Amino acid sequence: MDSSTPAAPGLRERLGNAVFARVAGPAGPENRARIHGTPGPRWFGPDRPIRIVHGDASMFIGGLRALLLQSLHPLAMAAVAAHSGYRGDPWGRLQRTSTFLAVTTYGTADDAQRAVDRVRSVHSRVRGTTPSGEPYDAADPHLLGWVHVAEVESFLIAHQRYGARPLDAAGYDGYIADTARVAEALGVVRPPRDREELVARLGAYRAELRPTKEAREAARFILFHPPLPWAARAPYALLAANSVAALPRWARTSLDLPGLSGGTEACLRPTGRGLTAAIRWAMAPPRTAP
């Protein structure tokens, strides 16, 4: 082969590009270059826990868990069902969410604030009534607080179980404190700043949570009918199973999800570790030649 002819991409590059394209969308390369390449102050320095957690492949499992748990608040689920387009454009929704996380975690402070302002503008227009007649408002700080704590707990648990570098207790408290910075910018009032506060806030929402027809339909769509090519469905099924295993038992029961024995969970966890390790390997930046 002529030395000037580019080599065909290897397996790692092909897999990494395929995963990145799904998660980041067509504008992914451009967004990545802007997020990481634009000089300027950031909300979070390079040593902050939020960068470790949000940069890890465990987010794939944590994200699925968060969607399932968040759906159990009937007002949050009604807003998603009526306004998010998750069935018609699930990948677009994922790409918007992943871009927001990347910008606020790694981007410049100006870019992070602009991303928050766009989300707040969207939330200000999302209002309606649930099928049972309850009004909802996506800009309601209390409802935003539920979405935030369900997401943070999910990312934290997934990272504890499947992260490449699990943090110590102080590190996870630091992660919760970091996410509070973003939550406050979005309109959450007094978000939790450590694990003790997170557990207490989650418990305070418990009486408001209940399964709805929309929540159960969303769970089945997410877990059993993802718009994926057949080759990707088996690994996705294992990621989904690990996300279900990470839910509290009451949440699984509420969503009519299969019960998991302790032995089944113990067998599942190595598959989650293996899959997240494979994703991590595929998406690792290429090594430069010495």
Protein backbone atom coordinates (compact mmCIF):
# COMPACT_ATOMS: atom_id res chain seq x y z
CA MET A 1 0.00 0.00 0.00
CA ASP A 2 1.22 3.51 -0.81
CA SER A 3 2.39 5.17 2.38
CA SER A 4 0.35 8.24 1.43
CA THR A 5 -2.90 6.24 1.39
CA PRO A 6 -4.78 6.52 4.71
CA ALA A 7 -5.18 3.21 6.52
CA ALA A 8 -8.66 1.78 6.88
CA PRO A 9 -10.10 2.60 10.28
CA GLY A 10 -9.58 -0.18 12.82
CA LEU A 11 -12.22 -1.88 14.89
CA ARG A 12 -11.79 0.50 17.83
CA GLU A 13 -12.20 3.57 15.63
CA ARG A 14 -15.26 2.18 13.84
CA LEU A 15 -16.99 1.23 17.07
CA GLY A 16 -16.07 4.48 18.77
CA ASN A 17 -17.30 6.55 15.84
CA ALA A 18 -20.58 4.62 15.72
CA VAL A 19 -21.26 5.12 19.43
CA PHE A 20 -20.23 8.79 19.32
CA ALA A 21 -22.47 9.44 16.30
CA ARG A 22 -25.48 7.96 18.12
CA VAL A 23 -24.86 9.90 21.32
CA ALA A 24 -23.60 13.22 19.94
CA GLY A 25 -25.39 13.46 16.58
CA PRO A 26 -24.28 15.01 13.30
CA ALA A 27 -22.91 18.11 15.01
CA GLY A 28 -20.91 16.02 17.49
CA PRO A 29 -17.40 16.59 16.08
CA GLU A 30 -18.00 20.33 15.76
CA ASN A 31 -19.46 20.55 19.28
CA ARG A 32 -16.60 18.51 20.74
CA ALA A 33 -14.01 20.78 19.15
CA ARG A 34 -15.77 23.89 20.48
CA ILE A 35 -16.36 22.48 23.98
CA HIS A 36 -12.81 21.29 24.55
CA GLY A 37 -10.88 23.66 22.28
CA THR A 38 -12.30 27.08 23.15
CA PRO A 39 -10.10 28.92 25.64
CA GLY A 40 -11.65 30.56 28.68
CA PRO A 41 -12.70 29.91 32.27
CA ARG A 42 -14.86 26.87 33.03
CA TRP A 43 -17.43 26.19 35.72
CA PHE A 44 -15.39 23.15 36.74
CA GLY A 45 -11.64 22.73 36.85
CA PRO A 46 -9.86 19.65 35.46
CA ASP A 47 -9.66 17.98 38.88
CA ARG A 48 -13.37 18.21 39.72
CA PRO A 49 -15.36 14.98 40.29
CA ILE A 50 -18.08 15.97 37.82
CA ARG A 51 -15.55 15.65 35.00
CA ILE A 52 -14.63 12.12 36.09
CA VAL A 53 -18.22 10.90 36.41
CA HIS A 54 -19.61 12.53 33.26
CA GLY A 55 -16.65 11.39 31.19
CA ASP A 56 -17.11 7.71 32.06
CA ALA A 57 -18.97 5.03 30.09
CA SER A 58 -21.03 4.22 33.20
CA MET A 59 -23.20 7.16 32.09
CA PHE A 60 -24.86 4.85 29.56
CA ILE A 61 -26.35 2.79 32.39
CA GLY A 62 -26.92 5.78 34.64
CA GLY A 63 -28.79 7.64 31.93
CA LEU A 64 -31.23 4.77 31.36
CA ARG A 65 -31.80 4.41 35.10
CA ALA A 66 -32.46 8.15 35.39
CA LEU A 67 -35.11 8.10 32.66
CA LEU A 68 -36.92 5.20 34.33
CA LEU A 69 -36.81 6.74 37.80
CA GLN A 70 -37.80 10.23 36.61
CA SER A 71 -40.87 8.80 34.87
CA LEU A 72 -42.41 7.88 38.23
CA HIS A 73 -43.28 11.51 38.97
CA PRO A 74 -46.63 11.92 37.17
CA LEU A 75 -46.09 15.61 36.42
CA ALA A 76 -42.60 15.07 35.00
CA MET A 77 -43.82 12.13 32.94
CA ALA A 78 -46.79 14.09 31.57
CA ALA A 79 -44.46 16.87 30.43
CA VAL A 80 -42.14 14.37 28.73
CA ALA A 81 -45.00 12.49 27.05
CA ALA A 82 -46.60 15.66 25.70
CA HIS A 83 -43.60 17.77 24.76
CA SER A 84 -40.32 15.85 24.44
CA GLY A 85 -40.97 13.78 21.32
CA TYR A 86 -39.10 10.87 22.86
CA ARG A 87 -40.90 8.33 20.65
CA GLY A 88 -40.60 10.21 17.38
CA ASP A 89 -37.06 11.46 17.91
CA PRO A 90 -35.42 9.53 20.77
CA TRP A 91 -31.90 9.96 19.40
CA GLY A 92 -32.39 13.69 18.99
CA ARG A 93 -33.45 13.94 22.62
CA LEU A 94 -30.44 11.92 23.74
CA GLN A 95 -28.10 14.05 21.64
CA ARG A 96 -29.48 17.29 23.06
CA THR A 97 -29.12 15.96 26.61
CA SER A 98 -25.59 14.66 26.08
CA THR A 99 -24.52 17.95 24.49
CA PHE A 100 -25.94 19.90 27.43
CA LEU A 101 -24.04 17.70 29.90
CA ALA A 102 -20.82 18.06 27.91
CA VAL A 103 -21.10 21.84 27.57
CA THR A 104 -21.90 22.49 31.23
CA THR A 105 -19.26 20.02 32.46
CA TYR A 106 -16.35 20.80 30.13
CA GLY A 107 -17.21 23.91 28.12
CA THR A 108 -16.40 27.54 28.81
CA ALA A 109 -18.45 29.38 31.42
CA ASP A 110 -20.04 31.50 28.68
CA ASP A 111 -21.05 28.43 26.66
CA ALA A 112 -22.39 26.71 29.77
CA GLN A 113 -24.54 29.70 30.64
CA ARG A 114 -25.89 29.91 27.10
CA ALA A 115 -26.80 26.21 27.24
CA VAL A 116 -28.64 26.75 30.52
CA ASP A 117 -30.45 29.78 29.12
CA ARG A 118 -31.68 27.73 26.14
CA VAL A 119 -33.01 24.99 28.41
CA ARG A 120 -34.75 27.50 30.66
CA SER A 121 -36.34 29.10 27.61
CA VAL A 122 -37.70 25.71 26.51
CA HIS A 123 -38.95 24.91 30.02
CA SER A 124 -40.82 28.24 30.18
CA ARG A 125 -43.05 27.06 27.31
CA VAL A 126 -43.75 23.55 28.61
CA ARG A 127 -47.03 23.67 30.50
CA GLY A 128 -50.12 21.54 30.45
CA THR A 129 -52.40 19.19 32.33
CA THR A 130 -51.96 15.51 33.09
CA PRO A 131 -54.61 13.01 31.94
CA SER A 132 -55.98 13.10 35.50
CA GLY A 133 -56.31 16.89 35.44
CA GLU A 134 -53.24 18.00 37.40
CA PRO A 135 -51.43 21.07 36.02
CA TYR A 136 -47.70 20.89 35.35
CA ASP A 137 -45.05 23.46 34.55
CA ALA A 138 -41.57 22.36 33.49
CA ALA A 139 -40.08 25.52 35.00
CA ASP A 140 -41.49 24.69 38.46
CA PRO A 141 -38.44 24.57 40.78
CA HIS A 142 -39.94 21.67 42.74
CA LEU A 143 -40.40 19.57 39.61
CA LEU A 144 -36.94 20.54 38.36
CA GLY A 145 -35.63 19.40 41.73
CA TRP A 146 -37.04 15.91 41.23
CA VAL A 147 -35.54 15.57 37.76
CA HIS A 148 -32.20 16.72 39.15
CA VAL A 149 -31.97 14.41 42.17
CA ALA A 150 -33.17 11.37 40.21
CA GLU A 151 -30.50 12.04 37.59
CA VAL A 152 -27.69 12.69 40.06
CA GLU A 153 -28.44 9.58 42.09
CA SER A 154 -28.55 7.49 38.92
CA PHE A 155 -25.22 8.77 37.60
CA LEU A 156 -23.63 8.34 41.02
CA ILE A 157 -24.85 4.75 41.52
CA ALA A 158 -23.84 3.77 37.99
CA HIS A 159 -20.37 5.21 38.49
CA GLN A 160 -19.95 3.45 41.84
CA ARG A 161 -20.80 0.11 40.19
CA TYR A 162 -19.31 0.45 36.71
CA GLY A 163 -16.92 3.42 36.69
CA ALA A 164 -13.31 2.92 35.68
CA ARG A 165 -12.14 4.93 38.69
CA PRO A 166 -14.77 4.85 41.45
CA LEU A 167 -14.44 7.85 43.75
CA ASP A 168 -14.09 7.82 47.52
CA ALA A 169 -16.80 9.21 49.79
CA ALA A 170 -15.44 12.75 49.60
CA GLY A 171 -15.26 12.49 45.81
CA TYR A 172 -18.93 11.53 45.48
CA ASP A 173 -19.93 14.34 47.84
CA GLY A 174 -17.88 16.63 45.61
CA TYR A 175 -19.72 15.31 42.56
CA ILE A 176 -23.09 16.14 44.11
CA ALA A 177 -21.83 19.61 45.03
CA ASP A 178 -20.61 20.15 41.45
CA THR A 179 -23.98 19.16 39.97
CA ALA A 180 -25.69 21.58 42.36
CA ARG A 181 -23.94 24.42 40.49
CA VAL A 182 -25.71 23.43 37.27
CA ALA A 183 -29.01 22.71 39.03
CA GLU A 184 -29.12 26.18 40.61
CA ALA A 185 -28.47 27.77 37.22
CA LEU A 186 -31.44 25.80 35.84
CA GLY A 187 -33.73 27.02 38.63
CA VAL A 188 -33.54 24.30 41.29
CA VAL A 189 -33.85 25.76 44.80
CA ARG A 190 -31.25 24.59 47.33
CA PRO A 191 -30.15 21.42 45.51
CA PRO A 192 -28.40 18.80 47.68
CA ARG A 193 -24.65 19.14 48.06
CA ASP A 194 -23.67 15.79 49.56
CA ARG A 195 -24.99 12.23 49.76
CA GLU A 196 -26.81 12.75 53.04
CA GLU A 197 -28.76 15.67 51.58
CA LEU A 198 -29.37 13.73 48.35
CA VAL A 199 -30.88 10.77 50.20
CA ALA A 200 -33.08 13.09 52.26
CA ARG A 201 -34.32 14.97 49.19
CA LEU A 202 -35.13 11.77 47.32
CA GLY A 203 -37.08 10.57 50.33
CA ALA A 204 -39.03 13.82 50.47
CA TYR A 205 -40.34 13.19 46.93
CA ARG A 206 -41.34 9.59 47.61
CA ALA A 207 -44.99 10.36 48.48
CA GLU A 208 -45.45 12.18 45.14
CA LEU A 209 -44.27 9.27 43.01
CA ARG A 210 -46.64 6.80 41.41
CA PRO A 211 -46.77 4.79 38.22
CA THR A 212 -48.92 6.01 35.37
CA LYS A 213 -49.88 4.45 32.07
CA GLU A 214 -47.49 6.88 30.37
CA ALA A 215 -44.61 5.89 32.66
CA ARG A 216 -45.08 2.18 32.01
CA GLU A 217 -45.35 2.77 28.25
CA ALA A 218 -42.17 4.85 28.32
CA ALA A 219 -40.34 2.11 30.26
CA ARG A 220 -41.33 -0.51 27.71
CA PHE A 221 -40.27 1.70 24.83
CA ILE A 222 -36.89 2.47 26.43
CA LEU A 223 -36.15 -1.08 27.51
CA PHE A 224 -37.74 -3.33 24.91
CA HIS A 225 -38.30 -1.32 21.72
CA PRO A 226 -35.25 0.89 21.19
CA PRO A 227 -34.81 2.16 17.62
CA LEU A 228 -31.54 0.31 17.10
CA PRO A 229 -30.09 -1.94 14.40
CA TRP A 230 -30.28 -5.64 15.27
CA ALA A 231 -26.52 -5.88 15.82
CA ALA A 232 -26.72 -3.33 18.64
CA ARG A 233 -29.76 -4.78 20.42
CA ALA A 234 -28.03 -7.51 22.42
CA PRO A 235 -25.47 -5.16 24.05
CA TYR A 236 -28.19 -2.56 24.60
CA ALA A 237 -30.36 -5.20 26.31
CA LEU A 238 -27.56 -5.89 28.78
CA LEU A 239 -27.08 -2.18 29.47
CA ALA A 240 -30.83 -1.87 29.99
CA ALA A 241 -30.93 -4.89 32.31
CA ASN A 242 -28.16 -3.38 34.44
CA SER A 243 -30.05 -0.07 34.61
CA VAL A 244 -33.14 -1.92 35.87
CA ALA A 245 -31.03 -3.81 38.41
CA ALA A 246 -29.74 -0.48 39.73
CA LEU A 247 -33.28 0.78 40.47
CA PRO A 248 -34.77 0.42 43.94
CA ARG A 249 -37.16 -2.53 44.17
CA TRP A 250 -40.23 -0.31 44.67
CA ALA A 251 -39.47 1.49 41.39
CA ARG A 252 -39.18 -1.79 39.48
CA THR A 253 -42.49 -2.96 40.91
CA SER A 254 -44.18 0.36 40.08
CA LEU A 255 -43.11 0.09 36.44
CA ASP A 256 -44.12 -3.59 36.18
CA LEU A 257 -40.53 -4.54 35.42
CA PRO A 258 -39.27 -8.09 35.93
CA GLY A 259 -38.19 -8.90 39.45
CA LEU A 260 -34.51 -9.70 39.92
CA SER A 261 -33.20 -12.06 42.56
CA GLY A 262 -29.95 -11.35 44.34
CA GLY A 263 -28.29 -14.10 42.31
CA THR A 264 -29.52 -12.62 39.04
CA GLU A 265 -28.23 -9.18 39.97
CA ALA A 266 -24.86 -10.65 40.91
CA CYS A 267 -24.64 -12.34 37.51
CA LEU A 268 -25.72 -9.20 35.67
CA ARG A 269 -23.19 -6.83 37.17
CA PRO A 270 -20.14 -8.35 35.40
CA THR A 271 -21.94 -7.87 32.06
CA GLY A 272 -22.39 -4.21 32.87
CA ARG A 273 -18.73 -3.88 33.77
CA GLY A 274 -17.71 -5.68 30.59
CA LEU A 275 -19.90 -3.56 28.33
CA THR A 276 -18.88 -0.26 29.87
CA ALA A 277 -15.23 -1.34 29.60
CA ALA A 278 -15.79 -2.11 25.91
CA ILE A 279 -17.42 1.28 25.31
CA ARG A 280 -14.59 2.97 27.19
CA TRP A 281 -12.04 1.14 25.02
CA ALA A 282 -13.83 2.02 21.78
CA MET A 283 -14.21 5.70 22.63
CA ALA A 284 -10.71 6.23 24.01
CA PRO A 285 -8.80 8.88 22.04
CA PRO A 286 -6.22 7.35 19.68
CA ARG A 287 -2.67 7.20 20.94
CA THR A 288 -0.25 9.44 19.15
CA ALA A 289 2.83 7.86 17.71
CA PRO A 290 6.02 8.47 19.70
